[in-house]
Structure formats: structure tokens, C-alpha cells
Amino acid sequence: MPQATTYAIRVAGEVPADVLDSFSGVSTVGQSLDTTLRAELVDAAALHGLLNALRGAGLVLLDVHREYGSGSR
């Protein structure tokens, strides 16, 4: 089984809870004017699926970056 890669994803606004219900390993780190998600995803398809779901919810993507350290290489 491939090791998960951790991403920090920042979007403008608040992410509706139902958007994240179908994604395991995704948590909300902070919410105010922007929301940061921490996502442990197994492959690029999972990342693209999450990004498409966020876009489908009408959210504007501000930043995506891979987090290094703690098993995410």
C-alpha cells in the first residue's frame, strides 16, 4: 500500500462539512476568511478529486503545497 502524502490546501471562505465527508484523511486546520485543510492522500488522483470537490462547492483555491517531514516523503 502506498504511503500517504500530506498536503496543506488553502481556500477562500468556509468549507461546507458535506464536501469533506467523502474524503478520509482530510481535516480542517483553521477557518476564518480562509480555510486551511490538512489532507493525507494516497495518490495524485485523490488530490485531484479533493480539489475538484472544492471547486464544485464554489470555493476559490488559494494555495496547495506538499508538507515534508513526519512520514510524507
N, C-alpha and C. Protein backbone atom coordinates (compact mmCIF):
# COMPACT_ATOMS: atom_id res chain seq x y z
N MET A 1 0.84 -1.18 0.00
CA MET A 1 0.00 0.00 0.00
C MET A 1 0.89 1.24 0.00
N PRO A 2 0.62 2.21 -0.89
CA PRO A 2 1.46 3.39 -0.94
C PRO A 2 1.31 4.24 0.32
N GLN A 3 2.40 4.91 0.65
CA GLN A 3 2.37 5.79 1.81
C GLN A 3 1.68 7.10 1.43
N ALA A 4 0.87 7.62 2.32
CA ALA A 4 0.15 8.87 2.06
C ALA A 4 1.10 10.05 2.03
N THR A 5 0.76 11.02 1.22
CA THR A 5 1.47 12.29 1.17
C THR A 5 0.56 13.34 1.79
N THR A 6 1.13 14.22 2.60
CA THR A 6 0.34 15.24 3.28
C THR A 6 0.42 16.55 2.52
N TYR A 7 -0.75 17.16 2.30
CA TYR A 7 -0.84 18.45 1.62
C TYR A 7 -1.55 19.44 2.51
N ALA A 8 -1.15 20.71 2.41
CA ALA A 8 -1.89 21.81 3.02
C ALA A 8 -2.59 22.52 1.87
N ILE A 9 -3.90 22.66 1.98
CA ILE A 9 -4.72 23.26 0.92
C ILE A 9 -5.47 24.43 1.54
N ARG A 10 -5.29 25.63 0.96
CA ARG A 10 -5.96 26.82 1.49
C ARG A 10 -6.96 27.32 0.47
N VAL A 11 -8.18 27.57 0.92
CA VAL A 11 -9.24 28.08 0.06
C VAL A 11 -9.84 29.33 0.69
N ALA A 12 -10.46 30.16 -0.14
CA ALA A 12 -11.15 31.34 0.36
C ALA A 12 -12.50 30.92 0.91
N GLY A 13 -12.81 31.36 2.11
CA GLY A 13 -14.11 31.07 2.69
C GLY A 13 -14.12 29.80 3.52
N GLU A 14 -15.32 29.42 3.91
CA GLU A 14 -15.53 28.26 4.77
C GLU A 14 -15.91 27.05 3.92
N VAL A 15 -15.30 25.90 4.23
CA VAL A 15 -15.58 24.67 3.50
C VAL A 15 -16.78 23.98 4.15
N PRO A 16 -17.85 23.74 3.38
CA PRO A 16 -19.00 23.03 3.95
C PRO A 16 -18.60 21.60 4.36
N ALA A 17 -19.08 21.15 5.50
CA ALA A 17 -18.72 19.83 6.03
C ALA A 17 -19.05 18.71 5.05
N ASP A 18 -20.17 18.83 4.32
CA ASP A 18 -20.56 17.74 3.42
C ASP A 18 -19.58 17.56 2.25
N VAL A 19 -18.81 18.60 1.93
CA VAL A 19 -17.80 18.47 0.86
C VAL A 19 -16.70 17.51 1.29
N LEU A 20 -16.37 17.51 2.57
CA LEU A 20 -15.27 16.69 3.07
C LEU A 20 -15.70 15.30 3.52
N ASP A 21 -16.99 15.04 3.60
CA ASP A 21 -17.49 13.76 4.11
C ASP A 21 -16.98 12.56 3.32
N SER A 22 -16.76 12.70 2.02
CA SER A 22 -16.32 11.55 1.22
C SER A 22 -14.81 11.36 1.19
N PHE A 23 -14.07 12.18 1.91
CA PHE A 23 -12.60 12.10 1.87
C PHE A 23 -12.06 11.76 3.25
N SER A 24 -11.43 10.59 3.36
CA SER A 24 -10.79 10.25 4.63
C SER A 24 -9.42 10.91 4.66
N GLY A 25 -8.93 11.18 5.84
CA GLY A 25 -7.60 11.78 5.99
C GLY A 25 -7.56 13.27 5.75
N VAL A 26 -8.73 13.94 5.69
CA VAL A 26 -8.76 15.38 5.47
C VAL A 26 -9.37 16.04 6.69
N SER A 27 -8.66 17.04 7.22
CA SER A 27 -9.18 17.75 8.38
C SER A 27 -9.05 19.25 8.17
N THR A 28 -9.91 20.00 8.83
CA THR A 28 -9.85 21.45 8.79
C THR A 28 -8.89 21.92 9.87
N VAL A 29 -7.90 22.73 9.46
CA VAL A 29 -6.90 23.22 10.41
C VAL A 29 -7.36 24.54 11.00
N GLY A 30 -7.90 25.42 10.18
CA GLY A 30 -8.36 26.70 10.68
C GLY A 30 -9.37 27.31 9.73
N GLN A 31 -10.29 28.08 10.26
CA GLN A 31 -11.28 28.75 9.43
C GLN A 31 -11.45 30.17 9.93
N SER A 32 -11.43 31.09 9.01
CA SER A 32 -11.78 32.49 9.25
C SER A 32 -12.21 33.02 7.90
N LEU A 33 -11.46 33.95 7.34
CA LEU A 33 -11.75 34.37 5.97
C LEU A 33 -11.28 33.31 4.98
N ASP A 34 -10.26 32.58 5.38
CA ASP A 34 -9.73 31.47 4.57
C ASP A 34 -9.80 30.20 5.41
N THR A 35 -9.84 29.06 4.74
CA THR A 35 -9.81 27.77 5.42
C THR A 35 -8.59 27.01 4.96
N THR A 36 -7.86 26.43 5.90
CA THR A 36 -6.73 25.57 5.56
C THR A 36 -7.12 24.14 5.90
N LEU A 37 -6.93 23.26 4.94
CA LEU A 37 -7.18 21.84 5.13
C LEU A 37 -5.85 21.11 5.19
N ARG A 38 -5.77 20.08 5.99
CA ARG A 38 -4.62 19.19 6.01
C ARG A 38 -5.11 17.86 5.48
N ALA A 39 -4.52 17.43 4.38
CA ALA A 39 -5.02 16.23 3.70
C ALA A 39 -3.91 15.21 3.53
N GLU A 40 -4.12 14.00 4.05
CA GLU A 40 -3.20 12.88 3.84
C GLU A 40 -3.81 12.03 2.74
N LEU A 41 -3.21 12.11 1.56
CA LEU A 41 -3.78 11.47 0.38
C LEU A 41 -2.82 10.45 -0.20
N VAL A 42 -3.38 9.36 -0.75
CA VAL A 42 -2.55 8.24 -1.20
C VAL A 42 -1.95 8.45 -2.58
N ASP A 43 -2.58 9.29 -3.42
CA ASP A 43 -2.02 9.47 -4.76
C ASP A 43 -2.54 10.77 -5.38
N ALA A 44 -2.05 11.07 -6.58
CA ALA A 44 -2.44 12.30 -7.28
C ALA A 44 -3.93 12.31 -7.63
N ALA A 45 -4.50 11.14 -7.90
CA ALA A 45 -5.93 11.07 -8.22
C ALA A 45 -6.77 11.52 -7.02
N ALA A 46 -6.37 11.14 -5.82
CA ALA A 46 -7.08 11.57 -4.62
C ALA A 46 -6.97 13.08 -4.43
N LEU A 47 -5.78 13.63 -4.70
CA LEU A 47 -5.60 15.08 -4.61
C LEU A 47 -6.50 15.80 -5.60
N HIS A 48 -6.51 15.34 -6.84
CA HIS A 48 -7.35 15.97 -7.87
C HIS A 48 -8.84 15.82 -7.54
N GLY A 49 -9.24 14.69 -6.98
CA GLY A 49 -10.62 14.50 -6.58
C GLY A 49 -11.04 15.50 -5.52
N LEU A 50 -10.18 15.72 -4.53
CA LEU A 50 -10.47 16.69 -3.47
C LEU A 50 -10.53 18.10 -4.05
N LEU A 51 -9.56 18.46 -4.89
CA LEU A 51 -9.56 19.80 -5.50
C LEU A 51 -10.80 20.02 -6.35
N ASN A 52 -11.22 19.01 -7.09
CA ASN A 52 -12.45 19.13 -7.90
C ASN A 52 -13.68 19.30 -7.02
N ALA A 53 -13.74 18.60 -5.88
CA ALA A 53 -14.87 18.74 -4.97
C ALA A 53 -14.92 20.15 -4.38
N LEU A 54 -13.76 20.70 -4.04
CA LEU A 54 -13.71 22.06 -3.51
C LEU A 54 -14.16 23.07 -4.56
N ARG A 55 -13.69 22.88 -5.78
CA ARG A 55 -14.09 23.76 -6.88
C ARG A 55 -15.59 23.62 -7.15
N GLY A 56 -16.10 22.40 -7.10
CA GLY A 56 -17.52 22.15 -7.31
C GLY A 56 -18.40 22.81 -6.25
N ALA A 57 -17.83 23.04 -5.06
CA ALA A 57 -18.55 23.72 -3.99
C ALA A 57 -18.46 25.24 -4.13
N GLY A 58 -17.81 25.69 -5.20
CA GLY A 58 -17.71 27.13 -5.46
C GLY A 58 -16.60 27.83 -4.70
N LEU A 59 -15.66 27.06 -4.15
CA LEU A 59 -14.56 27.65 -3.39
C LEU A 59 -13.41 28.04 -4.31
N VAL A 60 -12.71 29.10 -3.93
CA VAL A 60 -11.56 29.58 -4.70
C VAL A 60 -10.29 29.02 -4.05
N LEU A 61 -9.50 28.30 -4.84
CA LEU A 61 -8.24 27.73 -4.36
C LEU A 61 -7.20 28.83 -4.25
N LEU A 62 -6.58 28.95 -3.08
CA LEU A 62 -5.56 29.98 -2.86
C LEU A 62 -4.16 29.41 -2.87
N ASP A 63 -4.00 28.18 -2.34
CA ASP A 63 -2.65 27.61 -2.22
C ASP A 63 -2.75 26.11 -1.99
N VAL A 64 -1.83 25.38 -2.59
CA VAL A 64 -1.67 23.95 -2.33
C VAL A 64 -0.17 23.69 -2.22
N HIS A 65 0.24 23.06 -1.14
CA HIS A 65 1.65 22.66 -1.07
C HIS A 65 1.79 21.36 -0.29
N ARG A 66 2.82 20.64 -0.68
CA ARG A 66 3.13 19.36 -0.04
C ARG A 66 3.90 19.65 1.23
N GLU A 67 3.52 18.98 2.30
CA GLU A 67 4.23 19.13 3.57
C GLU A 67 5.27 18.03 3.67
N TYR A 68 6.47 18.41 4.06
CA TYR A 68 7.55 17.45 4.21
C TYR A 68 7.81 17.20 5.69
N GLY A 69 8.33 16.02 5.97
CA GLY A 69 8.60 15.64 7.36
C GLY A 69 7.50 14.74 7.85
N SER A 70 7.76 14.07 8.92
CA SER A 70 6.77 13.22 9.59
C SER A 70 6.11 12.24 8.64
N GLY A 71 6.93 11.56 7.82
CA GLY A 71 6.44 10.47 7.00
C GLY A 71 5.76 10.86 5.71
N SER A 72 5.93 12.07 5.23
CA SER A 72 5.25 12.45 4.00
C SER A 72 6.20 12.61 2.83
N ARG A 73 7.17 11.71 2.71
CA ARG A 73 8.10 11.78 1.58
C ARG A 73 7.83 10.73 0.59
